[in-house]
PDB file of N, CA and C in Angstrom:
ATOM      1  N   MET A   1    -157.272 269.713  -2.755  1.00  0.00           N
ATOM      2  CA  MET A   1    -157.745 268.464  -3.252  1.00  0.00           C
ATOM      3  C   MET A   1    -159.303 268.221  -2.449  1.00  0.00           C
ATOM      4  N   ARG A   2    -159.517 268.843  -1.256  1.00  0.00           N
ATOM      5  CA  ARG A   2    -160.585 268.678  -0.573  1.00  0.00           C
ATOM      6  C   ARG A   2    -161.929 269.307  -1.323  1.00  0.00           C
ATOM      7  N   THR A   3    -161.648 270.344  -1.970  1.00  0.00           N
ATOM      8  CA  THR A   3    -162.594 271.140  -2.837  1.00  0.00           C
ATOM      9  C   THR A   3    -163.048 270.198  -4.030  1.00  0.00           C
ATOM     10  N   PHE A   4    -162.144 269.426  -4.522  1.00  0.00           N
ATOM     11  CA  PHE A   4    -162.243 268.733  -5.803  1.00  0.00           C
ATOM     12  C   PHE A   4    -163.190 267.404  -5.368  1.00  0.00           C
ATOM     13  N   TRP A   5    -163.060 266.782  -4.152  1.00  0.00           N
ATOM     14  CA  TRP A   5    -163.786 265.881  -3.542  1.00  0.00           C
ATOM     15  C   TRP A   5    -165.447 266.308  -3.330  1.00  0.00           C
ATOM     16  N   THR A   6    -165.380 267.559  -2.812  1.00  0.00           N
ATOM     17  CA  THR A   6    -166.727 268.217  -2.569  1.00  0.00           C
ATOM     18  C   THR A   6    -167.365 268.423  -3.674  1.00  0.00           C
ATOM     19  N   VAL A   7    -166.835 268.921  -4.671  1.00  0.00           N
ATOM     20  CA  VAL A   7    -167.372 269.155  -5.945  1.00  0.00           C
ATOM     21  C   VAL A   7    -167.980 267.944  -6.432  1.00  0.00           C
ATOM     22  N   LEU A   8    -167.164 266.931  -6.629  1.00  0.00           N
ATOM     23  CA  LEU A   8    -167.417 265.634  -7.081  1.00  0.00           C
ATOM     24  C   LEU A   8    -168.597 264.703  -6.466  1.00  0.00           C
ATOM     25  N   GLY A   9    -168.461 265.048  -5.192  1.00  0.00           N
ATOM     26  CA  GLY A   9    -169.871 264.775  -4.266  1.00  0.00           C
ATOM     27  C   GLY A   9    -171.030 265.311  -4.379  1.00  0.00           C
ATOM     28  N   VAL A  10    -171.071 266.597  -4.878  1.00  0.00           N
ATOM     29  CA  VAL A  10    -172.094 267.341  -5.134  1.00  0.00           C
ATOM     30  C   VAL A  10    -172.706 267.002  -6.612  1.00  0.00           C
ATOM     31  N   ILE A  11    -171.854 266.764  -7.455  1.00  0.00           N
ATOM     32  CA  ILE A  11    -172.182 266.309  -8.745  1.00  0.00           C
ATOM     33  C   ILE A  11    -172.968 264.841  -8.690  1.00  0.00           C
ATOM     34  N   ALA A  12    -172.288 264.038  -7.956  1.00  0.00           N
ATOM     35  CA  ALA A  12    -172.839 262.750  -7.884  1.00  0.00           C
ATOM     36  C   ALA A  12    -174.153 262.562  -6.953  1.00  0.00           C
ATOM     37  N   ALA A  13    -174.318 263.472  -6.088  1.00  0.00           N
ATOM     38  CA  ALA A  13    -175.601 263.737  -5.469  1.00  0.00           C
ATOM     39  C   ALA A  13    -176.805 263.999  -6.142  1.00  0.00           C
ATOM     40  N   VAL A  14    -176.588 264.918  -7.165  1.00  0.00           N
ATOM     41  CA  VAL A  14    -177.304 265.611  -8.126  1.00  0.00           C
ATOM     42  C   VAL A  14    -177.846 264.499  -9.237  1.00  0.00           C
ATOM     43  N   VAL A  15    -176.571 263.991  -9.645  1.00  0.00           N
ATOM     44  CA  VAL A  15    -177.131 262.842 -10.617  1.00  0.00           C
ATOM     45  C   VAL A  15    -177.874 261.558 -10.194  1.00  0.00           C
ATOM     46  N   ILE A  16    -177.695 261.179  -8.965  1.00  0.00           N
ATOM     47  CA  ILE A  16    -178.216 260.222  -8.062  1.00  0.00           C
ATOM     48  C   ILE A  16    -179.584 260.802  -7.880  1.00  0.00           C
ATOM     49  N   ALA A  17    -180.076 261.987  -7.474  1.00  0.00           N
ATOM     50  CA  ALA A  17    -181.184 262.545  -7.075  1.00  0.00           C
ATOM     51  C   ALA A  17    -181.915 262.504  -8.458  1.00  0.00           C
ATOM     52  N   TRP A  18    -181.350 262.905  -9.663  1.00  0.00           N
ATOM     53  CA  TRP A  18    -182.023 263.104 -10.905  1.00  0.00           C
ATOM     54  C   TRP A  18    -182.538 261.861 -11.348  1.00  0.00           C
ATOM     55  N   VAL A  19    -181.900 260.643 -11.172  1.00  0.00           N
ATOM     56  CA  VAL A  19    -182.338 259.525 -11.448  1.00  0.00           C
ATOM     57  C   VAL A  19    -183.442 258.949 -10.456  1.00  0.00           C
ATOM     58  N   LEU A  20    -183.355 259.088  -9.394  1.00  0.00           N
ATOM     59  CA  LEU A  20    -184.242 258.640  -8.377  1.00  0.00           C
ATOM     60  C   LEU A  20    -185.623 259.589  -8.496  1.00  0.00           C
ATOM     61  N   VAL A  21    -185.577 260.647  -8.763  1.00  0.00           N
ATOM     62  CA  VAL A  21    -186.954 261.498  -8.959  1.00  0.00           C
ATOM     63  C   VAL A  21    -187.492 260.815 -10.328  1.00  0.00           C
ATOM     64  N   ASP A  22    -186.608 260.540 -11.371  1.00  0.00           N
ATOM     65  CA  ASP A  22    -187.187 260.280 -12.785  1.00  0.00           C
ATOM     66  C   ASP A  22    -187.918 258.887 -12.457  1.00  0.00           C
ATOM     67  N   VAL A  23    -187.215 257.864 -11.577  1.00  0.00           N
ATOM     68  CA  VAL A  23    -187.986 256.661 -11.391  1.00  0.00           C
ATOM     69  C   VAL A  23    -189.094 256.739 -10.494  1.00  0.00           C
ATOM     70  N   VAL A  24    -189.187 257.618  -9.627  1.00  0.00           N
ATOM     71  CA  VAL A  24    -190.453 257.910  -8.857  1.00  0.00           C
ATOM     72  C   VAL A  24    -191.649 258.587  -9.562  1.00  0.00           C
ATOM     73  N   PHE A  25    -191.289 259.368 -10.457  1.00  0.00           N
ATOM     74  CA  PHE A  25    -192.327 260.002 -11.218  1.00  0.00           C
ATOM     75  C   PHE A  25    -192.840 259.138 -12.304  1.00  0.00           C
ATOM     76  N   SER A  26    -191.887 258.113 -12.747  1.00  0.00           N
ATOM     77  CA  SER A  26    -192.306 257.309 -13.792  1.00  0.00           C
ATOM     78  C   SER A  26    -193.261 256.154 -13.047  1.00  0.00           C
ATOM     79  N   VAL A  27    -192.970 255.667 -11.966  1.00  0.00           N
ATOM     80  CA  VAL A  27    -193.815 254.664 -11.352  1.00  0.00           C
ATOM     81  C   VAL A  27    -195.009 255.448 -11.074  1.00  0.00           C
ATOM     82  N   VAL A  28    -195.015 256.596 -10.431  1.00  0.00           N
ATOM     83  CA  VAL A  28    -196.401 257.396  -9.984  1.00  0.00           C
ATOM     84  C   VAL A  28    -197.369 257.719 -11.008  1.00  0.00           C
ATOM     85  N   TRP A  29    -196.677 257.842 -12.565  1.00  0.00           N
ATOM     86  CA  TRP A  29    -197.384 258.180 -13.667  1.00  0.00           C
ATOM     87  C   TRP A  29    -197.976 256.882 -14.152  1.00  0.00           C
ATOM     88  N   PHE A  30    -197.208 255.730 -13.979  1.00  0.00           N
ATOM     89  CA  PHE A  30    -197.809 254.570 -14.308  1.00  0.00           C
ATOM     90  C   PHE A  30    -198.903 253.914 -13.420  1.00  0.00           C
ATOM     91  N   LEU A  31    -198.902 254.279 -12.371  1.00  0.00           N
ATOM     92  CA  LEU A  31    -199.940 253.988 -11.089  1.00  0.00           C
ATOM     93  C   LEU A  31    -201.175 254.733 -11.600  1.00  0.00           C
ATOM     94  N   VAL A  32    -200.941 256.090 -12.029  1.00  0.00           N
ATOM     95  CA  VAL A  32    -202.397 256.932 -12.201  1.00  0.00           C
ATOM     96  C   VAL A  32    -202.761 256.536 -13.524  1.00  0.00           C
ATOM     97  N   LYS A  33    -202.138 256.276 -14.446  1.00  0.00           N
ATOM     98  CA  LYS A  33    -202.561 255.830 -15.860  1.00  0.00           C
ATOM     99  C   LYS A  33    -203.205 254.305 -15.540  1.00  0.00           C
ATOM    100  N   ALA A  34    -202.579 253.449 -14.798  1.00  0.00           N
ATOM    101  CA  ALA A  34    -203.396 252.156 -14.584  1.00  0.00           C
ATOM    102  C   ALA A  34    -204.921 252.436 -13.747  1.00  0.00           C
ATOM    103  N   LEU A  35    -204.757 253.368 -12.730  1.00  0.00           N
ATOM    104  CA  LEU A  35    -206.068 253.648 -12.241  1.00  0.00           C
ATOM    105  C   LEU A  35    -206.980 254.206 -13.160  1.00  0.00           C
ATOM    106  N   ILE A  36    -206.654 255.273 -14.157  1.00  0.00           N
ATOM    107  CA  ILE A  36    -207.690 255.839 -15.036  1.00  0.00           C
ATOM    108  C   ILE A  36    -207.940 254.676 -15.906  1.00  0.00           C
ATOM    109  N   VAL A  37    -207.263 253.776 -16.394  1.00  0.00           N
ATOM    110  CA  VAL A  37    -207.570 252.639 -17.111  1.00  0.00           C
ATOM    111  C   VAL A  37    -208.712 251.633 -16.477  1.00  0.00           C
ATOM    112  N   ALA A  38    -208.346 251.488 -15.328  1.00  0.00           N
ATOM    113  CA  ALA A  38    -209.327 250.557 -14.529  1.00  0.00           C
ATOM    114  C   ALA A  38    -210.712 251.277 -14.513  1.00  0.00           C
ATOM    115  N   VAL A  39    -210.816 252.443 -13.912  1.00  0.00           N
ATOM    116  CA  VAL A  39    -212.124 253.155 -14.009  1.00  0.00           C
ATOM    117  C   VAL A  39    -212.701 253.122 -15.270  1.00  0.00           C
ATOM    118  N   VAL A  40    -212.121 253.431 -16.676  1.00  0.00           N
ATOM    119  CA  VAL A  40    -212.686 253.494 -17.842  1.00  0.00           C
ATOM    120  C   VAL A  40    -213.102 252.209 -18.038  1.00  0.00           C
ATOM    121  N   ALA A  41    -212.402 251.029 -17.653  1.00  0.00           N
ATOM    122  CA  ALA A  41    -212.879 249.733 -18.057  1.00  0.00           C
ATOM    123  C   ALA A  41    -214.121 249.251 -17.269  1.00  0.00           C
ATOM    124  N   VAL A  42    -214.290 249.925 -16.062  1.00  0.00           N
ATOM    125  CA  VAL A  42    -215.384 249.284 -15.186  1.00  0.00           C
ATOM    126  C   VAL A  42    -216.440 250.190 -16.016  1.00  0.00           C
ATOM    127  N   VAL A  43    -216.541 251.448 -16.386  1.00  0.00           N
ATOM    128  CA  VAL A  43    -217.551 252.193 -16.977  1.00  0.00           C
ATOM    129  C   VAL A  43    -217.999 251.343 -18.402  1.00  0.00           C
ATOM    130  N   VAL A  44    -216.968 251.162 -19.040  1.00  0.00           N
ATOM    131  CA  VAL A  44    -217.265 250.312 -20.470  1.00  0.00           C
ATOM    132  C   VAL A  44    -217.990 249.144 -20.059  1.00  0.00           C
ATOM    133  N   PHE A  45    -217.559 248.417 -19.223  1.00  0.00           N
ATOM    134  CA  PHE A  45    -218.191 247.056 -18.602  1.00  0.00           C
ATOM    135  C   PHE A  45    -219.715 247.224 -18.598  1.00  0.00           C
ATOM    136  N   PHE A  46    -219.882 248.249 -17.584  1.00  0.00           N
ATOM    137  CA  PHE A  46    -221.246 248.341 -17.382  1.00  0.00           C
ATOM    138  C   PHE A  46    -222.102 248.937 -18.368  1.00  0.00           C
ATOM    139  N   VAL A  47    -221.526 249.670 -19.253  1.00  0.00           N
ATOM    140  CA  VAL A  47    -222.413 250.128 -20.792  1.00  0.00           C
ATOM    141  C   VAL A  47    -222.400 249.153 -21.431  1.00  0.00           C
ATOM    142  N   LEU A  48    -221.557 248.092 -21.637  1.00  0.00           N
ATOM    143  CA  LEU A  48    -221.761 247.174 -22.481  1.00  0.00           C
ATOM    144  C   LEU A  48    -222.846 246.087 -21.900  1.00  0.00           C
ATOM    145  N   ARG A  49    -222.577 245.866 -20.677  1.00  0.00           N
ATOM    146  CA  ARG A  49    -223.635 244.998 -20.003  1.00  0.00           C
ATOM    147  C   ARG A  49    -225.055 245.510 -20.117  1.00  0.00           C
ATOM    148  N   SER A  50    -225.410 246.841 -19.907  1.00  0.00           N
ATOM    149  CA  SER A  50    -226.618 247.471 -20.121  1.00  0.00           C
ATOM    150  C   SER A  50    -227.163 247.355 -21.390  1.00  0.00           C
ATOM    151  N   LEU A  51    -226.392 247.685 -22.543  1.00  0.00           N
ATOM    152  CA  LEU A  51    -226.765 247.377 -23.843  1.00  0.00           C
ATOM    153  C   LEU A  51    -227.103 245.891 -24.107  1.00  0.00           C
ATOM    154  N   VAL A  52    -226.272 244.901 -23.720  1.00  0.00           N
ATOM    155  CA  VAL A  52    -226.599 243.400 -24.049  1.00  0.00           C
ATOM    156  C   VAL A  52    -228.024 243.053 -23.304  1.00  0.00           C
ATOM    157  N   ARG A  53    -228.080 243.614 -22.112  1.00  0.00           N
ATOM    158  CA  ARG A  53    -229.362 243.303 -21.268  1.00  0.00           C
ATOM    159  C   ARG A  53    -230.408 243.949 -22.105  1.00  0.00           C
ATOM    160  N   ARG A  54    -230.337 245.052 -22.514  1.00  0.00           N
ATOM    161  CA  ARG A  54    -231.595 245.868 -23.279  1.00  0.00           C
ATOM    162  C   ARG A  54    -231.751 245.022 -24.561  1.00  0.00           C
ATOM    163  N   ASN A  55    -230.748 244.600 -25.296  1.00  0.00           N
ATOM    164  CA  ASN A  55    -231.039 243.930 -26.533  1.00  0.00           C
ATOM    165  C   ASN A  55    -231.686 242.590 -26.212  1.00  0.00           C
ATOM    166  N   ALA A  56    -231.389 241.864 -25.360  1.00  0.00           N
ATOM    167  CA  ALA A  56    -231.902 240.610 -24.946  1.00  0.00           C
ATOM    168  C   ALA A  56    -233.485 240.883 -24.396  1.00  0.00           C
ATOM    169  N   VAL A  57    -233.882 241.819 -23.694  1.00  0.00           N
ATOM    170  CA  VAL A  57    -235.243 242.104 -23.330  1.00  0.00           C
ATOM    171  C   VAL A  57    -235.973 242.448 -24.636  1.00  0.00           C
ATOM    172  N   ASP A  58    -235.565 243.099 -25.527  1.00  0.00           N
ATOM    173  CA  ASP A  58    -236.203 243.422 -26.943  1.00  0.00           C
ATOM    174  C   ASP A  58    -236.627 242.271 -27.589  1.00  0.00           C
ATOM    175  N   ARG A  59    -235.881 241.208 -27.467  1.00  0.00           N
ATOM    176  CA  ARG A  59    -236.081 240.032 -28.206  1.00  0.00           C
ATOM    177  C   ARG A  59    -237.404 239.360 -27.981  1.00  0.00           C
TER     178      ARG A  59
END
């Protein structure tokens, strides 16, 4: 009976570890995507600002 509980404990540990790793990777991937979006948004903002400023000077 002791072996049964050991096997059950190992299976439970693997399932819990699988879920935890999945959650951690999901959070990390979300943070990386958010950082990339923020960098691209800043670049686009400055490009648009320079285009608007250039058009305002031409008039």
